[in-house]
C-alpha atoms as a PDB file:
ATOM      1  CA  MET A   1     -37.788 -33.306 -61.900  1.00  0.00           C
ATOM      2  CA  ILE A   2     -36.941 -29.863 -60.501  1.00  0.00           C
ATOM      3  CA  ASP A   3     -38.729 -28.041 -57.704  1.00  0.00           C
ATOM      4  CA  THR A   4     -37.980 -24.536 -58.941  1.00  0.00           C
ATOM      5  CA  HIS A   5     -39.156 -22.712 -55.817  1.00  0.00           C
ATOM      6  CA  ALA A   6     -38.774 -24.139 -52.335  1.00  0.00           C
ATOM      7  CA  HIS A   7     -37.796 -22.905 -48.894  1.00  0.00           C
ATOM      8  CA  VAL A   8     -36.238 -26.057 -47.497  1.00  0.00           C
ATOM      9  CA  HIS A   9     -33.921 -23.889 -45.421  1.00  0.00           C
ATOM     10  CA  ASP A  10     -37.011 -22.675 -43.530  1.00  0.00           C
ATOM     11  CA  ARG A  11     -37.023 -23.514 -39.832  1.00  0.00           C
ATOM     12  CA  GLN A  12     -40.127 -25.659 -40.325  1.00  0.00           C
ATOM     13  CA  PHE A  13     -37.728 -28.251 -41.761  1.00  0.00           C
ATOM     14  CA  ASP A  14     -35.138 -28.078 -38.987  1.00  0.00           C
ATOM     15  CA  GLY A  15     -36.370 -31.332 -37.449  1.00  0.00           C
ATOM     16  CA  ASP A  16     -36.371 -33.442 -40.617  1.00  0.00           C
ATOM     17  CA  ARG A  17     -34.605 -31.558 -43.414  1.00  0.00           C
ATOM     18  CA  GLU A  18     -32.400 -34.482 -44.445  1.00  0.00           C
ATOM     19  CA  ALA A  19     -35.396 -36.846 -44.508  1.00  0.00           C
ATOM     20  CA  THR A  20     -37.451 -34.296 -46.476  1.00  0.00           C
ATOM     21  CA  ILE A  21     -34.776 -34.031 -49.143  1.00  0.00           C
ATOM     22  CA  ALA A  22     -34.409 -37.810 -49.222  1.00  0.00           C
ATOM     23  CA  ARG A  23     -38.170 -38.169 -49.799  1.00  0.00           C
ATOM     24  CA  ALA A  24     -37.936 -35.684 -52.642  1.00  0.00           C
ATOM     25  CA  ARG A  25     -35.161 -37.600 -54.334  1.00  0.00           C
ATOM     26  CA  ALA A  26     -37.019 -40.874 -53.866  1.00  0.00           C
ATOM     27  CA  ALA A  27     -40.003 -39.273 -55.614  1.00  0.00           C
ATOM     28  CA  GLY A  28     -37.827 -38.261 -58.581  1.00  0.00           C
ATOM     29  CA  VAL A  29     -37.174 -34.652 -57.584  1.00  0.00           C
ATOM     30  CA  ASN A  30     -33.444 -34.561 -58.213  1.00  0.00           C
ATOM     31  CA  ALA A  31     -32.926 -30.791 -58.045  1.00  0.00           C
ATOM     32  CA  ILE A  32     -34.312 -28.180 -55.644  1.00  0.00           C
ATOM     33  CA  VAL A  33     -33.934 -24.406 -55.832  1.00  0.00           C
ATOM     34  CA  THR A  34     -34.104 -23.004 -52.300  1.00  0.00           C
ATOM     35  CA  ILE A  35     -35.116 -19.352 -52.391  1.00  0.00           C
ATOM     36  CA  GLY A  36     -33.740 -16.454 -50.362  1.00  0.00           C
ATOM     37  CA  CYS A  37     -36.114 -13.764 -49.088  1.00  0.00           C
ATOM     38  CA  ASP A  38     -33.775 -11.331 -47.304  1.00  0.00           C
ATOM     39  CA  LEU A  39     -30.043 -11.203 -46.599  1.00  0.00           C
ATOM     40  CA  SER A  40     -30.021 -13.501 -43.580  1.00  0.00           C
ATOM     41  CA  ASP A  41     -32.530 -15.862 -45.185  1.00  0.00           C
ATOM     42  CA  SER A  42     -30.429 -15.937 -48.360  1.00  0.00           C
ATOM     43  CA  GLU A  43     -27.371 -16.805 -46.270  1.00  0.00           C
ATOM     44  CA  ARG A  44     -29.313 -19.664 -44.692  1.00  0.00           C
ATOM     45  CA  ALA A  45     -30.449 -20.833 -48.138  1.00  0.00           C
ATOM     46  CA  ILE A  46     -26.837 -20.884 -49.327  1.00  0.00           C
ATOM     47  CA  ARG A  47     -25.628 -22.879 -46.330  1.00  0.00           C
ATOM     48  CA  THR A  48     -28.484 -25.375 -46.756  1.00  0.00           C
ATOM     49  CA  ALA A  49     -27.723 -25.744 -50.459  1.00  0.00           C
ATOM     50  CA  GLU A  50     -24.066 -26.363 -49.671  1.00  0.00           C
ATOM     51  CA  THR A  51     -24.918 -29.048 -47.117  1.00  0.00           C
ATOM     52  CA  TYR A  52     -27.457 -30.960 -49.193  1.00  0.00           C
ATOM     53  CA  GLY A  53     -26.301 -30.506 -52.775  1.00  0.00           C
ATOM     54  CA  LEU A  54     -28.992 -28.010 -53.770  1.00  0.00           C
ATOM     55  CA  VAL A  55     -28.891 -24.668 -55.561  1.00  0.00           C
ATOM     56  CA  ALA A  56     -29.947 -21.331 -54.080  1.00  0.00           C
ATOM     57  CA  THR A  57     -31.014 -17.798 -54.881  1.00  0.00           C
ATOM     58  CA  VAL A  58     -30.384 -14.512 -53.127  1.00  0.00           C
ATOM     59  CA  GLY A  59     -33.082 -11.889 -52.926  1.00  0.00           C
ATOM     60  CA  ILE A  60     -35.160  -9.457 -50.928  1.00  0.00           C
ATOM     61  CA  HIS A  61     -38.865 -10.261 -50.787  1.00  0.00           C
ATOM     62  CA  PRO A  62     -41.250  -7.291 -50.996  1.00  0.00           C
ATOM     63  CA  HIS A  63     -42.297  -7.940 -47.391  1.00  0.00           C
ATOM     64  CA  GLU A  64     -38.676  -7.326 -46.336  1.00  0.00           C
ATOM     65  CA  ALA A  65     -37.987  -4.377 -48.645  1.00  0.00           C
ATOM     66  CA  LYS A  66     -38.166  -1.886 -45.770  1.00  0.00           C
ATOM     67  CA  ASP A  67     -35.063  -3.536 -44.254  1.00  0.00           C
ATOM     68  CA  ALA A  68     -33.053  -3.730 -47.473  1.00  0.00           C
ATOM     69  CA  PRO A  69     -29.455  -2.511 -47.203  1.00  0.00           C
ATOM     70  CA  ALA A  70     -28.480   0.838 -48.655  1.00  0.00           C
ATOM     71  CA  ASP A  71     -26.252  -0.957 -51.180  1.00  0.00           C
ATOM     72  CA  ILE A  72     -28.111  -4.049 -52.362  1.00  0.00           C
ATOM     73  CA  ALA A  73     -25.549  -4.811 -55.063  1.00  0.00           C
ATOM     74  CA  ALA A  74     -22.672  -4.909 -52.567  1.00  0.00           C
ATOM     75  CA  ALA A  75     -24.679  -7.130 -50.233  1.00  0.00           C
ATOM     76  CA  PHE A  76     -25.503  -9.563 -53.036  1.00  0.00           C
ATOM     77  CA  ASP A  77     -21.882  -9.554 -54.210  1.00  0.00           C
ATOM     78  CA  GLY A  78     -20.821 -10.534 -50.709  1.00  0.00           C
ATOM     79  CA  LEU A  79     -23.318 -13.381 -50.503  1.00  0.00           C
ATOM     80  CA  ARG A  80     -22.298 -14.742 -53.879  1.00  0.00           C
ATOM     81  CA  ALA A  81     -18.578 -14.459 -53.109  1.00  0.00           C
ATOM     82  CA  GLY A  82     -19.018 -16.512 -49.947  1.00  0.00           C
ATOM     83  CA  ALA A  83     -21.097 -19.277 -51.525  1.00  0.00           C
ATOM     84  CA  ALA A  84     -19.820 -22.741 -52.327  1.00  0.00           C
ATOM     85  CA  ALA A  85     -23.208 -23.782 -53.752  1.00  0.00           C
ATOM     86  CA  PRO A  86     -24.445 -22.416 -57.091  1.00  0.00           C
ATOM     87  CA  ILE A  87     -26.386 -19.141 -56.842  1.00  0.00           C
ATOM     88  CA  VAL A  88     -28.684 -19.462 -59.834  1.00  0.00           C
ATOM     89  CA  ALA A  89     -30.997 -16.413 -59.647  1.00  0.00           C
ATOM     90  CA  ILE A  90     -31.924 -13.169 -57.951  1.00  0.00           C
ATOM     91  CA  GLY A  91     -35.115 -13.245 -55.915  1.00  0.00           C
ATOM     92  CA  GLU A  92     -37.569 -13.681 -54.797  1.00  0.00           C
ATOM     93  CA  THR A  93     -38.324 -10.054 -55.399  1.00  0.00           C
ATOM     94  CA  GLY A  94     -41.423  -8.219 -56.499  1.00  0.00           C
ATOM     95  CA  LEU A  95     -44.454  -6.390 -55.172  1.00  0.00           C
ATOM     96  CA  ASP A  96     -47.031  -7.454 -52.598  1.00  0.00           C
ATOM     97  CA  TYR A  97     -49.847  -5.006 -51.891  1.00  0.00           C
ATOM     98  CA  HIS A  98     -51.977  -7.585 -50.069  1.00  0.00           C
ATOM     99  CA  TYR A  99     -50.161  -7.178 -46.766  1.00  0.00           C
ATOM    100  CA  ASN A 100     -48.016  -4.099 -47.449  1.00  0.00           C
ATOM    101  CA  HIS A 101     -45.476  -5.146 -44.821  1.00  0.00           C
ATOM    102  CA  SER A 102     -43.203  -2.647 -46.577  1.00  0.00           C
ATOM    103  CA  PRO A 103     -44.373   0.666 -48.055  1.00  0.00           C
ATOM    104  CA  ALA A 104     -45.305   0.352 -51.722  1.00  0.00           C
ATOM    105  CA  ALA A 105     -42.777   2.976 -52.832  1.00  0.00           C
ATOM    106  CA  VAL A 106     -39.983   1.118 -51.034  1.00  0.00           C
ATOM    107  CA  GLN A 107     -41.067  -2.170 -52.602  1.00  0.00           C
ATOM    108  CA  ARG A 108     -40.890  -0.603 -56.050  1.00  0.00           C
ATOM    109  CA  ARG A 109     -37.425   0.849 -55.468  1.00  0.00           C
ATOM    110  CA  VAL A 110     -36.021  -2.418 -54.123  1.00  0.00           C
ATOM    111  CA  LEU A 111     -37.564  -4.350 -57.011  1.00  0.00           C
ATOM    112  CA  ARG A 112     -35.972  -2.031 -59.577  1.00  0.00           C
ATOM    113  CA  GLU A 113     -32.572  -2.342 -57.890  1.00  0.00           C
ATOM    114  CA  GLN A 114     -32.732  -6.138 -57.919  1.00  0.00           C
ATOM    115  CA  ILE A 115     -33.743  -6.244 -61.580  1.00  0.00           C
ATOM    116  CA  ALA A 116     -30.811  -3.964 -62.371  1.00  0.00           C
ATOM    117  CA  TYR A 117     -28.457  -6.211 -60.410  1.00  0.00           C
ATOM    118  CA  ALA A 118     -29.721  -9.327 -62.171  1.00  0.00           C
ATOM    119  CA  ARG A 119     -29.276  -7.683 -65.545  1.00  0.00           C
ATOM    120  CA  ALA A 120     -25.679  -6.674 -64.758  1.00  0.00           C
ATOM    121  CA  ALA A 121     -24.894 -10.128 -63.351  1.00  0.00           C
ATOM    122  CA  ALA A 122     -26.632 -11.985 -66.223  1.00  0.00           C
ATOM    123  CA  LEU A 123     -28.795 -13.897 -63.730  1.00  0.00           C
ATOM    124  CA  PRO A 124     -32.485 -14.771 -64.039  1.00  0.00           C
ATOM    125  CA  VAL A 125     -35.046 -13.274 -61.674  1.00  0.00           C
ATOM    126  CA  VAL A 126     -37.613 -15.021 -59.473  1.00  0.00           C
ATOM    127  CA  PHE A 127     -40.621 -12.729 -59.094  1.00  0.00           C
ATOM    128  CA  HIS A 128     -43.382 -12.481 -56.507  1.00  0.00           C
ATOM    129  CA  GLN A 129     -46.492 -10.493 -57.430  1.00  0.00           C
ATOM    130  CA  ARG A 130     -49.633 -10.219 -55.331  1.00  0.00           C
ATOM    131  CA  GLU A 131     -52.384  -7.658 -55.851  1.00  0.00           C
ATOM    132  CA  ALA A 132     -49.911  -5.286 -57.519  1.00  0.00           C
ATOM    133  CA  TYR A 133     -50.281  -6.283 -61.154  1.00  0.00           C
ATOM    134  CA  ASP A 134     -50.496  -2.819 -62.728  1.00  0.00           C
ATOM    135  CA  ASP A 135     -47.464  -1.407 -60.898  1.00  0.00           C
ATOM    136  CA  PHE A 136     -45.534  -4.628 -61.431  1.00  0.00           C
ATOM    137  CA  VAL A 137     -46.133  -4.673 -65.179  1.00  0.00           C
ATOM    138  CA  GLY A 138     -45.303  -0.977 -65.338  1.00  0.00           C
ATOM    139  CA  ILE A 139     -41.902  -1.605 -63.776  1.00  0.00           C
ATOM    140  CA  LEU A 140     -41.235  -4.513 -66.130  1.00  0.00           C
ATOM    141  CA  ARG A 141     -42.017  -2.255 -69.091  1.00  0.00           C
ATOM    142  CA  GLU A 142     -39.397   0.192 -67.800  1.00  0.00           C
ATOM    143  CA  THR A 143     -36.668  -2.299 -66.901  1.00  0.00           C
ATOM    144  CA  TRP A 144     -37.059  -5.642 -68.649  1.00  0.00           C
ATOM    145  CA  ASP A 145     -35.243  -6.748 -71.800  1.00  0.00           C
ATOM    146  CA  ARG A 146     -36.734 -10.047 -72.919  1.00  0.00           C
ATOM    147  CA  ALA A 147     -33.946 -10.530 -75.450  1.00  0.00           C
ATOM    148  CA  THR A 148     -31.252 -10.799 -72.786  1.00  0.00           C
ATOM    149  CA  MET A 149     -33.060 -11.521 -69.495  1.00  0.00           C
ATOM    150  CA  ARG A 150     -34.829 -14.557 -68.061  1.00  0.00           C
ATOM    151  CA  GLY A 151     -37.435 -14.722 -65.334  1.00  0.00           C
ATOM    152  CA  VAL A 152     -40.249 -16.644 -63.687  1.00  0.00           C
ATOM    153  CA  ILE A 153     -43.444 -15.399 -62.076  1.00  0.00           C
ATOM    154  CA  HIS A 154     -43.377 -17.638 -59.040  1.00  0.00           C
ATOM    155  CA  CYS A 155     -46.647 -19.047 -57.659  1.00  0.00           C
ATOM    156  CA  PHE A 156     -48.591 -17.654 -60.582  1.00  0.00           C
ATOM    157  CA  THR A 157     -52.284 -17.526 -59.689  1.00  0.00           C
ATOM    158  CA  GLY A 158     -53.554 -14.945 -62.173  1.00  0.00           C
ATOM    159  CA  ASP A 159     -55.946 -15.176 -65.063  1.00  0.00           C
ATOM    160  CA  THR A 160     -55.467 -15.863 -68.765  1.00  0.00           C
ATOM    161  CA  GLY A 161     -54.909 -12.220 -69.678  1.00  0.00           C
ATOM    162  CA  GLN A 162     -52.176 -11.798 -67.089  1.00  0.00           C
ATOM    163  CA  ALA A 163     -50.562 -15.070 -68.119  1.00  0.00           C
ATOM    164  CA  ARG A 164     -50.438 -14.023 -71.765  1.00  0.00           C
ATOM    165  CA  THR A 165     -48.947 -10.646 -70.865  1.00  0.00           C
ATOM    166  CA  PHE A 166     -46.157 -12.202 -68.830  1.00  0.00           C
ATOM    167  CA  VAL A 167     -45.393 -14.886 -71.409  1.00  0.00           C
ATOM    168  CA  ASP A 168     -46.005 -13.060 -74.698  1.00  0.00           C
ATOM    169  CA  GLU A 169     -44.788  -9.561 -73.842  1.00  0.00           C
ATOM    170  CA  PHE A 170     -41.958 -10.287 -71.418  1.00  0.00           C
ATOM    171  CA  GLY A 171     -40.933 -13.848 -72.254  1.00  0.00           C
ATOM    172  CA  MET A 172     -41.515 -14.933 -68.663  1.00  0.00           C
ATOM    173  CA  LEU A 173     -42.178 -18.411 -67.398  1.00  0.00           C
ATOM    174  CA  LEU A 174     -44.977 -19.149 -64.939  1.00  0.00           C
ATOM    175  CA  GLY A 175     -44.234 -21.105 -61.765  1.00  0.00           C
ATOM    176  CA  ILE A 176     -47.099 -23.528 -61.137  1.00  0.00           C
ATOM    177  CA  GLY A 177     -47.552 -25.241 -57.783  1.00  0.00           C
ATOM    178  CA  GLY A 178     -50.137 -26.657 -55.449  1.00  0.00           C
ATOM    179  CA  VAL A 179     -52.771 -23.998 -56.147  1.00  0.00           C
ATOM    180  CA  VAL A 180     -53.439 -25.594 -59.540  1.00  0.00           C
ATOM    181  CA  THR A 181     -55.022 -28.533 -57.668  1.00  0.00           C
ATOM    182  CA  PHE A 182     -57.448 -26.370 -55.649  1.00  0.00           C
ATOM    183  CA  LYS A 183     -61.153 -26.500 -56.523  1.00  0.00           C
ATOM    184  CA  THR A 184     -61.333 -22.697 -56.661  1.00  0.00           C
ATOM    185  CA  ALA A 185     -58.446 -22.363 -59.137  1.00  0.00           C
ATOM    186  CA  GLU A 186     -60.275 -22.702 -62.462  1.00  0.00           C
ATOM    187  CA  PRO A 187     -59.018 -19.285 -63.690  1.00  0.00           C
ATOM    188  CA  LEU A 188     -55.452 -20.502 -63.098  1.00  0.00           C
ATOM    189  CA  ARG A 189     -56.140 -23.766 -64.911  1.00  0.00           C
ATOM    190  CA  ASN A 190     -57.560 -21.797 -67.837  1.00  0.00           C
ATOM    191  CA  ALA A 191     -54.401 -19.688 -67.873  1.00  0.00           C
ATOM    192  CA  VAL A 192     -52.204 -22.790 -67.987  1.00  0.00           C
ATOM    193  CA  ARG A 193     -54.257 -24.152 -70.867  1.00  0.00           C
ATOM    194  CA  ALA A 194     -53.859 -20.840 -72.677  1.00  0.00           C
ATOM    195  CA  VAL A 195     -50.067 -20.566 -72.457  1.00  0.00           C
ATOM    196  CA  GLY A 196     -49.292 -24.289 -72.718  1.00  0.00           C
ATOM    197  CA  LEU A 197     -46.693 -26.577 -71.256  1.00  0.00           C
ATOM    198  CA  ALA A 198     -43.672 -24.816 -72.781  1.00  0.00           C
ATOM    199  CA  ALA A 199     -44.360 -21.665 -70.731  1.00  0.00           C
ATOM    200  CA  ILE A 200     -44.393 -23.205 -67.249  1.00  0.00           C
ATOM    201  CA  VAL A 201     -42.119 -24.684 -64.622  1.00  0.00           C
ATOM    202  CA  MET A 202     -43.160 -26.647 -61.558  1.00  0.00           C
ATOM    203  CA  GLU A 203     -42.671 -25.555 -57.949  1.00  0.00           C
ATOM    204  CA  THR A 204     -43.924 -26.189 -54.427  1.00  0.00           C
ATOM    205  CA  ASP A 205     -43.231 -22.960 -52.496  1.00  0.00           C
ATOM    206  CA  CYS A 206     -42.814 -25.332 -49.572  1.00  0.00           C
ATOM    207  CA  PRO A 207     -43.521 -25.256 -46.686  1.00  0.00           C
ATOM    208  CA  TYR A 208     -46.555 -23.350 -48.003  1.00  0.00           C
ATOM    209  CA  LEU A 209     -49.466 -24.189 -50.349  1.00  0.00           C
ATOM    210  CA  ALA A 210     -49.442 -27.981 -50.300  1.00  0.00           C
ATOM    211  CA  PRO A 211     -51.417 -29.518 -53.168  1.00  0.00           C
ATOM    212  CA  ILE A 212     -54.434 -31.750 -52.808  1.00  0.00           C
ATOM    213  CA  PRO A 213     -54.390 -34.388 -51.226  1.00  0.00           C
ATOM    214  CA  TYR A 214     -51.955 -32.782 -48.758  1.00  0.00           C
ATOM    215  CA  ARG A 215     -53.684 -29.401 -48.457  1.00  0.00           C
ATOM    216  CA  GLY A 216     -53.470 -28.051 -44.913  1.00  0.00           C
ATOM    217  CA  LYS A 217     -50.257 -29.942 -44.197  1.00  0.00           C
ATOM    218  CA  ARG A 218     -46.692 -28.702 -44.461  1.00  0.00           C
ATOM    219  CA  ASN A 219     -45.708 -28.757 -48.110  1.00  0.00           C
ATOM    220  CA  GLU A 220     -42.443 -30.376 -49.226  1.00  0.00           C
ATOM    221  CA  PRO A 221     -40.606 -30.912 -52.528  1.00  0.00           C
ATOM    222  CA  ALA A 222     -41.826 -34.488 -53.032  1.00  0.00           C
ATOM    223  CA  PHE A 223     -45.371 -33.143 -53.366  1.00  0.00           C
ATOM    224  CA  VAL A 224     -44.535 -31.342 -56.623  1.00  0.00           C
ATOM    225  CA  ILE A 225     -45.424 -34.626 -58.335  1.00  0.00           C
ATOM    226  CA  GLU A 226     -49.091 -34.038 -57.432  1.00  0.00           C
ATOM    227  CA  SER A 227     -49.055 -30.648 -59.140  1.00  0.00           C
ATOM    228  CA  ALA A 228     -47.387 -32.185 -62.207  1.00  0.00           C
ATOM    229  CA  SER A 229     -50.148 -34.775 -62.331  1.00  0.00           C
ATOM    230  CA  ALA A 230     -52.784 -32.047 -62.188  1.00  0.00           C
ATOM    231  CA  VAL A 231     -51.118 -30.156 -65.054  1.00  0.00           C
ATOM    232  CA  ALA A 232     -50.951 -33.359 -67.097  1.00  0.00           C
ATOM    233  CA  THR A 233     -54.667 -33.933 -66.611  1.00  0.00           C
ATOM    234  CA  LEU A 234     -55.701 -30.412 -67.568  1.00  0.00           C
ATOM    235  CA  LEU A 235     -53.464 -30.384 -70.662  1.00  0.00           C
ATOM    236  CA  GLY A 236     -54.353 -33.932 -71.703  1.00  0.00           C
ATOM    237  CA  VAL A 237     -50.761 -35.213 -71.722  1.00  0.00           C
ATOM    238  CA  ASP A 238     -48.810 -37.821 -69.795  1.00  0.00           C
ATOM    239  CA  ARG A 239     -47.234 -36.788 -66.522  1.00  0.00           C
ATOM    240  CA  THR A 240     -43.894 -37.944 -67.917  1.00  0.00           C
ATOM    241  CA  ASP A 241     -44.255 -35.272 -70.624  1.00  0.00           C
ATOM    242  CA  VAL A 242     -44.916 -32.589 -67.995  1.00  0.00           C
ATOM    243  CA  ILE A 243     -41.883 -33.691 -66.004  1.00  0.00           C
ATOM    244  CA  ALA A 244     -39.575 -33.875 -69.024  1.00  0.00           C
ATOM    245  CA  THR A 245     -40.634 -30.561 -70.540  1.00  0.00           C
ATOM    246  CA  THR A 246     -40.668 -28.529 -67.328  1.00  0.00           C
ATOM    247  CA  THR A 247     -37.324 -29.990 -66.262  1.00  0.00           C
ATOM    248  CA  THR A 248     -35.713 -28.948 -69.534  1.00  0.00           C
ATOM    249  CA  THR A 249     -37.267 -25.495 -69.249  1.00  0.00           C
ATOM    250  CA  ALA A 250     -36.100 -25.085 -65.645  1.00  0.00           C
ATOM    251  CA  LYS A 251     -32.554 -26.089 -66.572  1.00  0.00           C
ATOM    252  CA  ARG A 252     -32.531 -23.447 -69.291  1.00  0.00           C
ATOM    253  CA  LEU A 253     -33.982 -20.823 -66.941  1.00  0.00           C
ATOM    254  CA  PHE A 254     -31.410 -21.364 -64.188  1.00  0.00           C
ATOM    255  CA  GLY A 255     -28.473 -22.447 -66.319  1.00  0.00           C
ATOM    256  CA  LEU A 256     -28.342 -25.887 -64.740  1.00  0.00           C
ATOM    257  CA  PRO A 257     -26.403 -28.737 -66.331  1.00  0.00           C
END
């Protein structure tokens, strides 16, 4: 199984990173994508991936957009040139109007630049979208070519209409994690039912958003199995089918062997 969105390079894992990754592999999670959120964080993700046999992304999260370099493409080129581990996507990037840690106009500019870079580099994009749906979809309609580009809406928590727009209009995948197990997440479960198993990949977003029965604890890649079990139950299929299908989809998304 593949955890398609983790932050195992986060400092919350500094005391037991090797043991965390070992637990994941013992649980059947044999690939982890560790996600960069700014230049220094992306560098840390790369070094962690190199050390532990993972894959990484490079990106600038909307929270960090205000500190983006003047030349994002050159910065990303430098990170990729210095990486011994596979860099499999750009992101996470997107829009977040919940906190607005960066001005909305800056977020939009930095998002457009990262989409343009991904398109030129033929890399998929890992997207973050929170309380910015209309602006986010507007930018996708300006910049996205579903025939040649691949992407995932990480930590998707929207409704059925949003899910269908992302999947049907843009050819996106939806990243499904621990939230699908929460009692309050029936709109998300309805969205997963609507788009079906072929349109999703599994993730943890660790160390955040641990699924039930671990909610409130630090999340880790091994816990993605709980989310897969929840998806199996709501779709009426075996968990082995969820694991097999989402693994194949994730490999295609990230170009993994």
